[in-house]
């Protein structure tokens, strides 16, 4: 039993080294998204902690560690932006007036939200694989190569699926 625990500790230590090895890459990923250095470092550390916390689940996964780290990094980035741009609850009439002072900004936001909702509804009509590839490409701004690695598919497949998805979306909007 003791040797089993020693084996688990050695395995954990080797995976911690792998996680640490990819941290600079994850930090560069965040920097490439336009985040500043301190935020990129903080989010990279969050990725490391999440990977360590979920170590036992990672062992069961069939995906490679690098792809999993990018998935975790993407989710942490999304959480970061959700928190950053969270609309505060209205506390008083005065706060409502402050928000509505710039009516044109509110109108533009409503229009953009309506357009985004319409596009999302059309995207949901696509096959799940095409939905995921479009999400990775346009929502999360991954390169074709990164998408191929994350989804564990060929680069050519990514390119052709994006092309076909765009064509299908174009036809869905024409049919409107």
C-alpha atoms as a PDB file:
ATOM      1  CA  UNK A   1       0.000   0.000   0.000  1.00  0.00           C
ATOM      2  CA  UNK A   2       2.835   2.389   0.779  1.00  0.00           C
ATOM      3  CA  UNK A   3       4.409   1.811  -2.616  1.00  0.00           C
ATOM      4  CA  UNK A   4       1.065   2.586  -4.272  1.00  0.00           C
ATOM      5  CA  UNK A   5       0.993   5.950  -2.516  1.00  0.00           C
ATOM      6  CA  UNK A   6       4.596   6.589  -3.515  1.00  0.00           C
ATOM      7  CA  UNK A   7       3.662   5.867  -7.128  1.00  0.00           C
ATOM      8  CA  UNK A   8       0.731   8.322  -6.910  1.00  0.00           C
ATOM      9  CA  UNK A   9       3.018  11.015  -5.485  1.00  0.00           C
ATOM     10  CA  UNK A  10       5.594  10.468  -8.249  1.00  0.00           C
ATOM     11  CA  UNK A  11       2.854  10.611 -10.910  1.00  0.00           C
ATOM     12  CA  UNK A  12       1.417  13.777  -9.386  1.00  0.00           C
ATOM     13  CA  UNK A  13       4.870  15.391  -9.258  1.00  0.00           C
ATOM     14  CA  UNK A  14       5.549  14.544 -12.892  1.00  0.00           C
ATOM     15  CA  UNK A  15       2.183  16.020 -13.939  1.00  0.00           C
ATOM     16  CA  UNK A  16       2.846  19.130 -11.849  1.00  0.00           C
ATOM     17  CA  UNK A  17       6.063  19.543 -13.827  1.00  0.00           C
ATOM     18  CA  UNK A  18       4.098  19.180 -17.067  1.00  0.00           C
ATOM     19  CA  UNK A  19       1.551  21.771 -15.889  1.00  0.00           C
ATOM     20  CA  UNK A  20       4.393  24.150 -14.964  1.00  0.00           C
ATOM     21  CA  UNK A  21       6.023  23.567 -18.358  1.00  0.00           C
ATOM     22  CA  UNK A  22       2.925  24.836 -20.174  1.00  0.00           C
ATOM     23  CA  UNK A  23       2.298  27.851 -17.900  1.00  0.00           C
ATOM     24  CA  UNK A  24       4.402  30.272 -20.003  1.00  0.00           C
ATOM     25  CA  UNK A  25       2.508  29.112 -23.100  1.00  0.00           C
ATOM     26  CA  UNK A  26      -0.842  29.732 -21.382  1.00  0.00           C
ATOM     27  CA  UNK A  27       0.390  33.152 -20.261  1.00  0.00           C
ATOM     28  CA  UNK A  28       1.363  33.995 -23.873  1.00  0.00           C
ATOM     29  CA  UNK A  29      -2.094  32.871 -24.958  1.00  0.00           C
ATOM     30  CA  UNK A  30      -3.672  35.360 -22.532  1.00  0.00           C
ATOM     31  CA  UNK A  31      -1.278  38.109 -23.652  1.00  0.00           C
ATOM     32  CA  UNK A  32      -2.212  37.408 -27.279  1.00  0.00           C
ATOM     33  CA  UNK A  33      -5.826  38.102 -26.339  1.00  0.00           C
ATOM     34  CA  UNK A  34      -4.836  41.608 -25.248  1.00  0.00           C
ATOM     35  CA  UNK A  35      -4.775  41.007 -21.507  1.00  0.00           C
ATOM     36  CA  UNK A  36      -2.074  42.794 -19.539  1.00  0.00           C
ATOM     37  CA  UNK A  37       0.874  40.928 -18.018  1.00  0.00           C
ATOM     38  CA  UNK A  38      -0.351  40.837 -14.375  1.00  0.00           C
ATOM     39  CA  UNK A  39      -3.800  39.579 -15.426  1.00  0.00           C
ATOM     40  CA  UNK A  40      -2.226  37.015 -17.748  1.00  0.00           C
ATOM     41  CA  UNK A  41      -0.016  35.773 -14.922  1.00  0.00           C
ATOM     42  CA  UNK A  42      -2.958  35.584 -12.503  1.00  0.00           C
ATOM     43  CA  UNK A  43      -5.158  33.709 -14.945  1.00  0.00           C
ATOM     44  CA  UNK A  44      -2.292  31.338 -15.807  1.00  0.00           C
ATOM     45  CA  UNK A  45      -1.898  30.550 -12.115  1.00  0.00           C
ATOM     46  CA  UNK A  46      -5.657  29.922 -11.928  1.00  0.00           C
ATOM     47  CA  UNK A  47      -5.268  27.422 -14.782  1.00  0.00           C
ATOM     48  CA  UNK A  48      -2.447  25.685 -12.910  1.00  0.00           C
ATOM     49  CA  UNK A  49      -4.512  25.502  -9.707  1.00  0.00           C
ATOM     50  CA  UNK A  50      -7.558  24.186 -11.548  1.00  0.00           C
ATOM     51  CA  UNK A  51      -5.456  21.493 -13.204  1.00  0.00           C
ATOM     52  CA  UNK A  52      -4.003  20.456  -9.840  1.00  0.00           C
ATOM     53  CA  UNK A  53      -7.417  20.511  -8.136  1.00  0.00           C
ATOM     54  CA  UNK A  54      -8.887  18.280 -10.824  1.00  0.00           C
ATOM     55  CA  UNK A  55      -5.887  15.971 -11.060  1.00  0.00           C
ATOM     56  CA  UNK A  56      -7.842  12.770 -10.384  1.00  0.00           C
ATOM     57  CA  UNK A  57     -10.380  13.607 -13.106  1.00  0.00           C
ATOM     58  CA  UNK A  58      -7.570  14.431 -15.524  1.00  0.00           C
ATOM     59  CA  UNK A  59      -6.117  10.978 -15.058  1.00  0.00           C
ATOM     60  CA  UNK A  60      -9.389   9.492 -16.339  1.00  0.00           C
ATOM     61  CA  UNK A  61      -9.552  11.789 -19.362  1.00  0.00           C
ATOM     62  CA  UNK A  62      -8.368  10.539 -22.732  1.00  0.00           C
ATOM     63  CA  UNK A  63      -7.277  14.035 -23.861  1.00  0.00           C
ATOM     64  CA  UNK A  64      -3.694  15.221 -23.717  1.00  0.00           C
ATOM     65  CA  UNK A  65      -2.684  17.595 -20.933  1.00  0.00           C
ATOM     66  CA  UNK A  66      -1.959  20.539 -23.244  1.00  0.00           C
ATOM     67  CA  UNK A  67      -5.421  20.448 -24.822  1.00  0.00           C
ATOM     68  CA  UNK A  68      -7.020  20.171 -21.402  1.00  0.00           C
ATOM     69  CA  UNK A  69      -5.021  23.156 -20.182  1.00  0.00           C
ATOM     70  CA  UNK A  70      -6.247  25.217 -23.126  1.00  0.00           C
ATOM     71  CA  UNK A  71      -9.834  24.208 -22.392  1.00  0.00           C
ATOM     72  CA  UNK A  72      -9.379  25.232 -18.759  1.00  0.00           C
ATOM     73  CA  UNK A  73      -7.651  28.453 -19.876  1.00  0.00           C
ATOM     74  CA  UNK A  74     -10.553  29.271 -22.199  1.00  0.00           C
ATOM     75  CA  UNK A  75     -13.103  28.684 -19.433  1.00  0.00           C
ATOM     76  CA  UNK A  76     -11.143  30.771 -16.947  1.00  0.00           C
ATOM     77  CA  UNK A  77     -10.829  33.543 -19.542  1.00  0.00           C
ATOM     78  CA  UNK A  78     -14.584  33.465 -20.134  1.00  0.00           C
ATOM     79  CA  UNK A  79     -15.245  33.619 -16.396  1.00  0.00           C
ATOM     80  CA  UNK A  80     -12.827  36.545 -16.104  1.00  0.00           C
ATOM     81  CA  UNK A  81     -14.643  38.513 -18.802  1.00  0.00           C
ATOM     82  CA  UNK A  82     -18.071  37.636 -17.388  1.00  0.00           C
ATOM     83  CA  UNK A  83     -17.008  39.058 -14.027  1.00  0.00           C
ATOM     84  CA  UNK A  84     -15.361  42.058 -15.659  1.00  0.00           C
ATOM     85  CA  UNK A  85     -18.387  43.041 -17.740  1.00  0.00           C
ATOM     86  CA  UNK A  86     -21.125  41.941 -15.389  1.00  0.00           C
ATOM     87  CA  UNK A  87     -23.975  44.439 -15.422  1.00  0.00           C
ATOM     88  CA  UNK A  88     -24.645  45.629 -11.872  1.00  0.00           C
ATOM     89  CA  UNK A  89     -28.088  45.220 -10.355  1.00  0.00           C
ATOM     90  CA  UNK A  90     -30.014  48.457 -10.199  1.00  0.00           C
ATOM     91  CA  UNK A  91     -30.109  49.699  -6.626  1.00  0.00           C
ATOM     92  CA  UNK A  92     -32.162  52.880  -6.940  1.00  0.00           C
ATOM     93  CA  UNK A  93     -33.960  55.228  -9.294  1.00  0.00           C
ATOM     94  CA  UNK A  94     -30.835  57.388  -9.298  1.00  0.00           C
ATOM     95  CA  UNK A  95     -28.755  54.505 -10.629  1.00  0.00           C
ATOM     96  CA  UNK A  96     -31.360  53.937 -13.356  1.00  0.00           C
ATOM     97  CA  UNK A  97     -31.115  57.588 -14.370  1.00  0.00           C
ATOM     98  CA  UNK A  98     -27.328  57.375 -14.469  1.00  0.00           C
ATOM     99  CA  UNK A  99     -27.452  54.366 -16.743  1.00  0.00           C
ATOM    100  CA  UNK A 100     -30.076  55.886 -19.038  1.00  0.00           C
ATOM    101  CA  UNK A 101     -28.229  59.208 -19.369  1.00  0.00           C
ATOM    102  CA  UNK A 102     -26.501  57.911 -22.451  1.00  0.00           C
ATOM    103  CA  UNK A 103     -29.575  56.629 -24.327  1.00  0.00           C
ATOM    104  CA  UNK A 104     -27.708  56.025 -27.562  1.00  0.00           C
ATOM    105  CA  UNK A 105     -25.358  53.603 -25.815  1.00  0.00           C
ATOM    106  CA  UNK A 106     -28.337  51.681 -24.463  1.00  0.00           C
ATOM    107  CA  UNK A 107     -29.982  51.560 -27.907  1.00  0.00           C
ATOM    108  CA  UNK A 108     -26.799  50.276 -29.534  1.00  0.00           C
ATOM    109  CA  UNK A 109     -26.424  47.622 -26.837  1.00  0.00           C
ATOM    110  CA  UNK A 110     -29.999  46.424 -27.361  1.00  0.00           C
ATOM    111  CA  UNK A 111     -29.480  46.298 -31.130  1.00  0.00           C
ATOM    112  CA  UNK A 112     -26.221  44.376 -30.778  1.00  0.00           C
ATOM    113  CA  UNK A 113     -27.819  41.936 -28.333  1.00  0.00           C
ATOM    114  CA  UNK A 114     -30.681  41.334 -30.774  1.00  0.00           C
ATOM    115  CA  UNK A 115     -28.246  40.706 -33.629  1.00  0.00           C
ATOM    116  CA  UNK A 116     -26.112  38.417 -31.480  1.00  0.00           C
ATOM    117  CA  UNK A 117     -29.193  36.482 -30.400  1.00  0.00           C
ATOM    118  CA  UNK A 118     -30.278  36.030 -34.030  1.00  0.00           C
ATOM    119  CA  UNK A 119     -26.821  34.807 -35.056  1.00  0.00           C
ATOM    120  CA  UNK A 120     -26.716  32.423 -32.076  1.00  0.00           C
ATOM    121  CA  UNK A 121     -30.108  30.994 -33.044  1.00  0.00           C
ATOM    122  CA  UNK A 122     -28.850  30.352 -36.583  1.00  0.00           C
ATOM    123  CA  UNK A 123     -25.624  28.786 -35.300  1.00  0.00           C
ATOM    124  CA  UNK A 124     -27.653  26.414 -33.123  1.00  0.00           C
ATOM    125  CA  UNK A 125     -29.190  25.028 -36.311  1.00  0.00           C
ATOM    126  CA  UNK A 126     -25.763  23.791 -37.437  1.00  0.00           C
ATOM    127  CA  UNK A 127     -24.267  20.402 -36.617  1.00  0.00           C
ATOM    128  CA  UNK A 128     -22.652  20.289 -33.138  1.00  0.00           C
ATOM    129  CA  UNK A 129     -19.120  19.948 -34.543  1.00  0.00           C
ATOM    130  CA  UNK A 130     -19.553  23.056 -36.700  1.00  0.00           C
ATOM    131  CA  UNK A 131     -21.003  24.944 -33.730  1.00  0.00           C
ATOM    132  CA  UNK A 132     -17.988  24.059 -31.592  1.00  0.00           C
ATOM    133  CA  UNK A 133     -15.474  24.976 -34.310  1.00  0.00           C
ATOM    134  CA  UNK A 134     -17.172  28.350 -34.930  1.00  0.00           C
ATOM    135  CA  UNK A 135     -17.228  29.016 -31.195  1.00  0.00           C
ATOM    136  CA  UNK A 136     -13.521  28.286 -30.873  1.00  0.00           C
ATOM    137  CA  UNK A 137     -12.658  30.378 -33.940  1.00  0.00           C
ATOM    138  CA  UNK A 138     -14.827  33.454 -33.532  1.00  0.00           C
ATOM    139  CA  UNK A 139     -15.852  33.600 -29.892  1.00  0.00           C
ATOM    140  CA  UNK A 140     -12.587  32.435 -28.374  1.00  0.00           C
ATOM    141  CA  UNK A 141     -10.323  33.542 -31.241  1.00  0.00           C
ATOM    142  CA  UNK A 142      -8.288  30.347 -31.516  1.00  0.00           C
ATOM    143  CA  UNK A 143      -6.188  29.809 -34.628  1.00  0.00           C
ATOM    144  CA  UNK A 144      -6.974  26.955 -36.992  1.00  0.00           C
ATOM    145  CA  UNK A 145      -4.005  25.033 -35.587  1.00  0.00           C
ATOM    146  CA  UNK A 146      -5.162  25.496 -31.995  1.00  0.00           C
ATOM    147  CA  UNK A 147      -8.683  24.368 -32.888  1.00  0.00           C
ATOM    148  CA  UNK A 148      -7.301  21.261 -34.583  1.00  0.00           C
ATOM    149  CA  UNK A 149      -5.293  20.457 -31.479  1.00  0.00           C
ATOM    150  CA  UNK A 150      -8.109  21.162 -29.018  1.00  0.00           C
ATOM    151  CA  UNK A 151     -10.624  19.100 -30.971  1.00  0.00           C
ATOM    152  CA  UNK A 152      -8.066  16.462 -31.931  1.00  0.00           C
ATOM    153  CA  UNK A 153      -8.861  16.697 -35.657  1.00  0.00           C
ATOM    154  CA  UNK A 154      -6.868  17.477 -38.792  1.00  0.00           C
ATOM    155  CA  UNK A 155      -6.117  21.094 -39.751  1.00  0.00           C
ATOM    156  CA  UNK A 156      -7.794  20.606 -43.142  1.00  0.00           C
ATOM    157  CA  UNK A 157     -10.945  19.381 -41.418  1.00  0.00           C
ATOM    158  CA  UNK A 158     -11.050  22.556 -39.320  1.00  0.00           C
ATOM    159  CA  UNK A 159     -10.701  24.754 -42.399  1.00  0.00           C
ATOM    160  CA  UNK A 160     -13.330  22.885 -44.409  1.00  0.00           C
ATOM    161  CA  UNK A 161     -15.777  22.766 -41.478  1.00  0.00           C
ATOM    162  CA  UNK A 162     -15.469  26.535 -40.959  1.00  0.00           C
ATOM    163  CA  UNK A 163     -15.999  27.155 -44.673  1.00  0.00           C
ATOM    164  CA  UNK A 164     -19.053  24.853 -44.763  1.00  0.00           C
ATOM    165  CA  UNK A 165     -20.469  26.338 -41.567  1.00  0.00           C
ATOM    166  CA  UNK A 166     -20.197  29.856 -43.026  1.00  0.00           C
ATOM    167  CA  UNK A 167     -21.931  28.722 -46.209  1.00  0.00           C
ATOM    168  CA  UNK A 168     -24.737  27.098 -44.215  1.00  0.00           C
ATOM    169  CA  UNK A 169     -25.139  30.234 -42.085  1.00  0.00           C
ATOM    170  CA  UNK A 170     -25.256  32.396 -45.198  1.00  0.00           C
ATOM    171  CA  UNK A 171     -28.034  30.192 -46.585  1.00  0.00           C
ATOM    172  CA  UNK A 172     -29.914  30.277 -43.255  1.00  0.00           C
ATOM    173  CA  UNK A 173     -29.865  34.072 -43.290  1.00  0.00           C
ATOM    174  CA  UNK A 174     -30.964  34.178 -46.930  1.00  0.00           C
ATOM    175  CA  UNK A 175     -33.909  31.873 -46.128  1.00  0.00           C
ATOM    176  CA  UNK A 176     -34.909  34.131 -43.243  1.00  0.00           C
END
